[in-house]
């Protein structure tokens, strides 16, 4: 049982070491990437919504009722 806790502790220590090596974005860069992600997600959602509406209309014409 002790081996499990030792392995977990070693893993967490390695994670902490790697996190210190990571390069973190500056605030301005983080905000700009967040905005780009949100806008892209919104545009993609609109595209999927539009495609769904078009396909639904086509299927309504093919299969009325």
PDB file of N, CA and C in Angstrom:
ATOM      1  N   UNK A   1       0.820  -1.194   0.000  1.00  0.00           N
ATOM      2  CA  UNK A   1       0.000   0.000   0.000  1.00  0.00           C
ATOM      3  C   UNK A   1       0.862   1.255   0.000  1.00  0.00           C
ATOM      4  N   UNK A   2       2.002   1.197   0.695  1.00  0.00           N
ATOM      5  CA  UNK A   2       2.889   2.361   0.736  1.00  0.00           C
ATOM      6  C   UNK A   2       3.439   2.691  -0.640  1.00  0.00           C
ATOM      7  N   UNK A   3       3.650   1.655  -1.466  1.00  0.00           N
ATOM      8  CA  UNK A   3       4.209   1.865  -2.798  1.00  0.00           C
ATOM      9  C   UNK A   3       3.291   2.745  -3.644  1.00  0.00           C
ATOM     10  N   UNK A   4       1.989   2.578  -3.472  1.00  0.00           N
ATOM     11  CA  UNK A   4       1.038   3.374  -4.245  1.00  0.00           C
ATOM     12  C   UNK A   4       1.181   4.849  -3.896  1.00  0.00           C
ATOM     13  N   UNK A   5       1.273   5.146  -2.587  1.00  0.00           N
ATOM     14  CA  UNK A   5       1.396   6.535  -2.167  1.00  0.00           C
ATOM     15  C   UNK A   5       2.732   7.138  -2.610  1.00  0.00           C
ATOM     16  N   UNK A   6       3.766   6.339  -2.603  1.00  0.00           N
ATOM     17  CA  UNK A   6       5.076   6.811  -3.065  1.00  0.00           C
ATOM     18  C   UNK A   6       5.024   7.112  -4.560  1.00  0.00           C
ATOM     19  N   UNK A   7       4.375   6.231  -5.327  1.00  0.00           N
ATOM     20  CA  UNK A   7       4.243   6.454  -6.775  1.00  0.00           C
ATOM     21  C   UNK A   7       3.425   7.714  -7.059  1.00  0.00           C
ATOM     22  N   UNK A   8       2.356   7.901  -6.292  1.00  0.00           N
ATOM     23  CA  UNK A   8       1.518   9.096  -6.485  1.00  0.00           C
ATOM     24  C   UNK A   8       2.319  10.349  -6.155  1.00  0.00           C
ATOM     25  N   UNK A   9       3.064  10.319  -5.049  1.00  0.00           N
ATOM     26  CA  UNK A   9       3.873  11.481  -4.668  1.00  0.00           C
ATOM     27  C   UNK A   9       4.925  11.785  -5.736  1.00  0.00           C
ATOM     28  N   UNK A  10       5.598  10.752  -6.240  1.00  0.00           N
ATOM     29  CA  UNK A  10       6.602  10.949  -7.281  1.00  0.00           C
ATOM     30  C   UNK A  10       5.976  11.544  -8.538  1.00  0.00           C
ATOM     31  N   UNK A  11       4.809  11.026  -8.894  1.00  0.00           N
ATOM     32  CA  UNK A  11       4.110  11.544 -10.069  1.00  0.00           C
ATOM     33  C   UNK A  11       3.790  13.027  -9.896  1.00  0.00           C
ATOM     34  N   UNK A  12       3.255  13.394  -8.751  1.00  0.00           N
ATOM     35  CA  UNK A  12       2.900  14.798  -8.512  1.00  0.00           C
ATOM     36  C   UNK A  12       4.132  15.698  -8.492  1.00  0.00           C
ATOM     37  N   UNK A  13       5.232  15.203  -7.974  1.00  0.00           N
ATOM     38  CA  UNK A  13       6.471  15.968  -7.986  1.00  0.00           C
ATOM     39  C   UNK A  13       6.957  16.191  -9.416  1.00  0.00           C
ATOM     40  N   UNK A  14       6.848  15.150 -10.250  1.00  0.00           N
ATOM     41  CA  UNK A  14       7.244  15.282 -11.653  1.00  0.00           C
ATOM     42  C   UNK A  14       6.339  16.253 -12.399  1.00  0.00           C
ATOM     43  N   UNK A  15       5.057  16.207 -12.092  1.00  0.00           N
ATOM     44  CA  UNK A  15       4.116  17.151 -12.712  1.00  0.00           C
ATOM     45  C   UNK A  15       4.492  18.580 -12.338  1.00  0.00           C
ATOM     46  N   UNK A  16       4.777  18.807 -11.063  1.00  0.00           N
ATOM     47  CA  UNK A  16       5.150  20.148 -10.614  1.00  0.00           C
ATOM     48  C   UNK A  16       6.426  20.617 -11.300  1.00  0.00           C
ATOM     49  N   UNK A  17       7.398  19.732 -11.454  1.00  0.00           N
ATOM     50  CA  UNK A  17       8.656  20.074 -12.134  1.00  0.00           C
ATOM     51  C   UNK A  17       8.391  20.462 -13.584  1.00  0.00           C
ATOM     52  N   UNK A  18       7.571  19.695 -14.278  1.00  0.00           N
ATOM     53  CA  UNK A  18       7.263  19.990 -15.682  1.00  0.00           C
ATOM     54  C   UNK A  18       6.462  21.283 -15.817  1.00  0.00           C
ATOM     55  N   UNK A  19       5.586  21.550 -14.874  1.00  0.00           N
ATOM     56  CA  UNK A  19       4.786  22.778 -14.930  1.00  0.00           C
ATOM     57  C   UNK A  19       5.674  24.018 -14.788  1.00  0.00           C
ATOM     58  N   UNK A  20       6.734  23.911 -14.018  1.00  0.00           N
ATOM     59  CA  UNK A  20       7.660  25.043 -13.885  1.00  0.00           C
ATOM     60  C   UNK A  20       8.417  25.294 -15.191  1.00  0.00           C
ATOM     61  N   UNK A  21       8.608  24.246 -16.002  1.00  0.00           N
ATOM     62  CA  UNK A  21       9.314  24.379 -17.278  1.00  0.00           C
ATOM     63  C   UNK A  21       8.431  24.977 -18.369  1.00  0.00           C
ATOM     64  N   UNK A  22       7.128  24.891 -18.201  1.00  0.00           N
ATOM     65  CA  UNK A  22       6.195  25.342 -19.244  1.00  0.00           C
ATOM     66  C   UNK A  22       6.274  26.856 -19.419  1.00  0.00           C
ATOM     67  N   UNK A  23       6.057  27.293 -20.657  1.00  0.00           N
ATOM     68  CA  UNK A  23       5.996  28.738 -20.899  1.00  0.00           C
ATOM     69  C   UNK A  23       4.523  29.134 -20.932  1.00  0.00           C
ATOM     70  N   UNK A  24       4.160  30.091 -20.126  1.00  0.00           N
ATOM     71  CA  UNK A  24       2.784  30.513 -19.991  1.00  0.00           C
ATOM     72  C   UNK A  24       2.557  31.776 -20.809  1.00  0.00           C
ATOM     73  N   UNK A  25       1.398  31.911 -21.452  1.00  0.00           N
ATOM     74  CA  UNK A  25       1.138  33.098 -22.285  1.00  0.00           C
ATOM     75  C   UNK A  25       0.950  34.350 -21.434  1.00  0.00           C
ATOM     76  N   UNK A  26       1.277  35.478 -22.051  1.00  0.00           N
ATOM     77  CA  UNK A  26       1.033  36.762 -21.399  1.00  0.00           C
ATOM     78  C   UNK A  26      -0.466  37.042 -21.414  1.00  0.00           C
ATOM     79  N   UNK A  27      -0.902  37.965 -20.572  1.00  0.00           N
ATOM     80  CA  UNK A  27      -2.327  38.273 -20.443  1.00  0.00           C
ATOM     81  C   UNK A  27      -2.940  38.683 -21.781  1.00  0.00           C
ATOM     82  N   UNK A  28      -2.251  39.562 -22.520  1.00  0.00           N
ATOM     83  CA  UNK A  28      -2.769  40.055 -23.803  1.00  0.00           C
ATOM     84  C   UNK A  28      -2.938  38.900 -24.802  1.00  0.00           C
ATOM     85  N   UNK A  29      -1.944  38.029 -24.856  1.00  0.00           N
ATOM     86  CA  UNK A  29      -1.988  36.879 -25.755  1.00  0.00           C
ATOM     87  C   UNK A  29      -3.115  35.919 -25.366  1.00  0.00           C
ATOM     88  N   UNK A  30      -3.283  35.694 -24.077  1.00  0.00           N
ATOM     89  CA  UNK A  30      -4.334  34.813 -23.592  1.00  0.00           C
ATOM     90  C   UNK A  30      -5.715  35.355 -23.961  1.00  0.00           C
ATOM     91  N   UNK A  31      -5.915  36.653 -23.786  1.00  0.00           N
ATOM     92  CA  UNK A  31      -7.204  37.264 -24.119  1.00  0.00           C
ATOM     93  C   UNK A  31      -7.471  37.170 -25.609  1.00  0.00           C
ATOM     94  N   UNK A  32      -6.477  37.456 -26.440  1.00  0.00           N
ATOM     95  CA  UNK A  32      -6.693  37.412 -27.885  1.00  0.00           C
ATOM     96  C   UNK A  32      -7.000  35.992 -28.358  1.00  0.00           C
ATOM     97  N   UNK A  33      -6.319  35.009 -27.815  1.00  0.00           N
ATOM     98  CA  UNK A  33      -6.596  33.619 -28.195  1.00  0.00           C
ATOM     99  C   UNK A  33      -7.974  33.180 -27.715  1.00  0.00           C
ATOM    100  N   UNK A  34      -8.381  33.657 -26.542  1.00  0.00           N
ATOM    101  CA  UNK A  34      -9.709  33.328 -26.033  1.00  0.00           C
ATOM    102  C   UNK A  34     -10.789  33.917 -26.931  1.00  0.00           C
ATOM    103  N   UNK A  35     -10.601  35.164 -27.350  1.00  0.00           N
ATOM    104  CA  UNK A  35     -11.575  35.808 -28.235  1.00  0.00           C
ATOM    105  C   UNK A  35     -11.651  35.069 -29.568  1.00  0.00           C
ATOM    106  N   UNK A  36     -10.507  34.719 -30.120  1.00  0.00           N
ATOM    107  CA  UNK A  36     -10.482  33.981 -31.390  1.00  0.00           C
ATOM    108  C   UNK A  36     -11.227  32.653 -31.239  1.00  0.00           C
ATOM    109  N   UNK A  37     -10.999  31.954 -30.139  1.00  0.00           N
ATOM    110  CA  UNK A  37     -11.668  30.673 -29.904  1.00  0.00           C
ATOM    111  C   UNK A  37     -13.179  30.849 -29.785  1.00  0.00           C
ATOM    112  N   UNK A  38     -13.616  31.859 -29.044  1.00  0.00           N
ATOM    113  CA  UNK A  38     -15.054  32.086 -28.872  1.00  0.00           C
ATOM    114  C   UNK A  38     -15.724  32.467 -30.190  1.00  0.00           C
ATOM    115  N   UNK A  39     -15.088  33.351 -30.955  1.00  0.00           N
ATOM    116  CA  UNK A  39     -15.655  33.764 -32.237  1.00  0.00           C
ATOM    117  C   UNK A  39     -15.710  32.577 -33.200  1.00  0.00           C
ATOM    118  N   UNK A  40     -14.643  31.813 -33.254  1.00  0.00           N
ATOM    119  CA  UNK A  40     -14.622  30.640 -34.136  1.00  0.00           C
ATOM    120  C   UNK A  40     -15.699  29.631 -33.749  1.00  0.00           C
ATOM    121  N   UNK A  41     -15.867  29.421 -32.467  1.00  0.00           N
ATOM    122  CA  UNK A  41     -16.902  28.495 -31.997  1.00  0.00           C
ATOM    123  C   UNK A  41     -18.292  28.992 -32.379  1.00  0.00           C
ATOM    124  N   UNK A  42     -18.525  30.283 -32.236  1.00  0.00           N
ATOM    125  CA  UNK A  42     -19.818  30.864 -32.585  1.00  0.00           C
ATOM    126  C   UNK A  42     -20.087  30.736 -34.079  1.00  0.00           C
ATOM    127  N   UNK A  43     -19.092  31.024 -34.915  1.00  0.00           N
ATOM    128  CA  UNK A  43     -19.248  30.919 -36.366  1.00  0.00           C
ATOM    129  C   UNK A  43     -19.528  29.464 -36.758  1.00  0.00           C
ATOM    130  N   UNK A  44     -18.806  28.539 -36.179  1.00  0.00           N
ATOM    131  CA  UNK A  44     -19.029  27.123 -36.471  1.00  0.00           C
ATOM    132  C   UNK A  44     -20.431  26.692 -36.033  1.00  0.00           C
ATOM    133  N   UNK A  45     -20.878  27.163 -34.878  1.00  0.00           N
ATOM    134  CA  UNK A  45     -22.224  26.827 -34.409  1.00  0.00           C
ATOM    135  C   UNK A  45     -23.276  27.373 -35.366  1.00  0.00           C
ATOM    136  N   UNK A  46     -23.079  28.596 -35.856  1.00  0.00           N
ATOM    137  CA  UNK A  46     -24.015  29.163 -36.830  1.00  0.00           C
ATOM    138  C   UNK A  46     -24.035  28.353 -38.122  1.00  0.00           C
ATOM    139  N   UNK A  47     -22.872  27.927 -38.574  1.00  0.00           N
ATOM    140  CA  UNK A  47     -22.791  27.110 -39.785  1.00  0.00           C
ATOM    141  C   UNK A  47     -23.542  25.800 -39.604  1.00  0.00           C
ATOM    142  N   UNK A  48     -23.308  25.126 -38.485  1.00  0.00           N
ATOM    143  CA  UNK A  48     -23.985  23.854 -38.226  1.00  0.00           C
ATOM    144  C   UNK A  48     -25.490  24.067 -38.112  1.00  0.00           C
ATOM    145  N   UNK A  49     -25.906  25.139 -37.453  1.00  0.00           N
ATOM    146  CA  UNK A  49     -27.333  25.446 -37.342  1.00  0.00           C
ATOM    147  C   UNK A  49     -27.941  25.658 -38.726  1.00  0.00           C
ATOM    148  N   UNK A  50     -27.266  26.444 -39.553  1.00  0.00           N
ATOM    149  CA  UNK A  50     -27.762  26.702 -40.904  1.00  0.00           C
ATOM    150  C   UNK A  50     -27.831  25.432 -41.739  1.00  0.00           C
ATOM    151  N   UNK A  51     -26.795  24.620 -41.665  1.00  0.00           N
ATOM    152  CA  UNK A  51     -26.781  23.364 -42.418  1.00  0.00           C
ATOM    153  C   UNK A  51     -27.910  22.455 -41.947  1.00  0.00           C
ATOM    154  N   UNK A  52     -28.152  22.406 -40.657  1.00  0.00           N
ATOM    155  CA  UNK A  52     -29.230  21.586 -40.113  1.00  0.00           C
ATOM    156  C   UNK A  52     -30.584  22.073 -40.616  1.00  0.00           C
ATOM    157  N   UNK A  53     -30.770  23.382 -40.649  1.00  0.00           N
ATOM    158  CA  UNK A  53     -32.040  23.930 -41.131  1.00  0.00           C
ATOM    159  C   UNK A  53     -32.250  23.594 -42.612  1.00  0.00           C
ATOM    160  N   UNK A  54     -31.205  23.735 -43.423  1.00  0.00           N
ATOM    161  CA  UNK A  54     -31.312  23.437 -44.855  1.00  0.00           C
ATOM    162  C   UNK A  54     -31.621  21.958 -45.061  1.00  0.00           C
ATOM    163  N   UNK A  55     -30.907  21.096 -44.381  1.00  0.00           N
ATOM    164  CA  UNK A  55     -31.133  19.652 -44.531  1.00  0.00           C
ATOM    165  C   UNK A  55     -32.544  19.289 -44.060  1.00  0.00           C
ATOM    166  N   UNK A  56     -33.008  19.905 -42.981  1.00  0.00           N
ATOM    167  CA  UNK A  56     -34.369  19.638 -42.499  1.00  0.00           C
ATOM    168  C   UNK A  56     -35.411  20.037 -43.535  1.00  0.00           C
ATOM    169  N   UNK A  57     -35.209  21.189 -44.163  1.00  0.00           N
ATOM    170  CA  UNK A  57     -36.154  21.634 -45.195  1.00  0.00           C
ATOM    171  C   UNK A  57     -36.167  20.677 -46.383  1.00  0.00           C
ATOM    172  N   UNK A  58     -35.000  20.254 -46.796  1.00  0.00           N
ATOM    173  CA  UNK A  58     -34.906  19.315 -47.921  1.00  0.00           C
ATOM    174  C   UNK A  58     -35.609  18.005 -47.589  1.00  0.00           C
ATOM    175  N   UNK A  59     -35.385  17.498 -46.380  1.00  0.00           N
ATOM    176  CA  UNK A  59     -36.034  16.248 -45.980  1.00  0.00           C
ATOM    177  C   UNK A  59     -37.542  16.420 -45.843  1.00  0.00           C
ATOM    178  N   UNK A  60     -37.995  17.613 -45.423  1.00  0.00           N
ATOM    179  CA  UNK A  60     -39.439  17.869 -45.364  1.00  0.00           C
ATOM    180  C   UNK A  60     -40.069  17.832 -46.748  1.00  0.00           C
ATOM    181  N   UNK A  61     -39.329  18.302 -47.769  1.00  0.00           N
ATOM    182  CA  UNK A  61     -39.840  18.260 -49.135  1.00  0.00           C
ATOM    183  C   UNK A  61     -39.866  16.817 -49.642  1.00  0.00           C
ATOM    184  N   UNK A  62     -38.830  16.067 -49.332  1.00  0.00           N
ATOM    185  CA  UNK A  62     -38.741  14.673 -49.791  1.00  0.00           C
ATOM    186  C   UNK A  62     -39.745  13.787 -49.059  1.00  0.00           C
ATOM    187  N   UNK A  63     -39.846  13.960 -47.749  1.00  0.00           N
ATOM    188  CA  UNK A  63     -40.735  13.132 -46.918  1.00  0.00           C
ATOM    189  C   UNK A  63     -41.767  14.023 -46.227  1.00  0.00           C
ATOM    190  N   UNK A  64     -42.797  14.452 -46.904  1.00  0.00           N
ATOM    191  CA  UNK A  64     -43.790  15.345 -46.271  1.00  0.00           C
ATOM    192  C   UNK A  64     -44.582  14.625 -45.186  1.00  0.00           C
ATOM    193  N   UNK A  65     -45.033  15.412 -44.242  1.00  0.00           N
ATOM    194  CA  UNK A  65     -45.932  14.852 -43.232  1.00  0.00           C
ATOM    195  C   UNK A  65     -45.254  14.632 -41.980  1.00  0.00           C
TER     196      UNK A  65
END
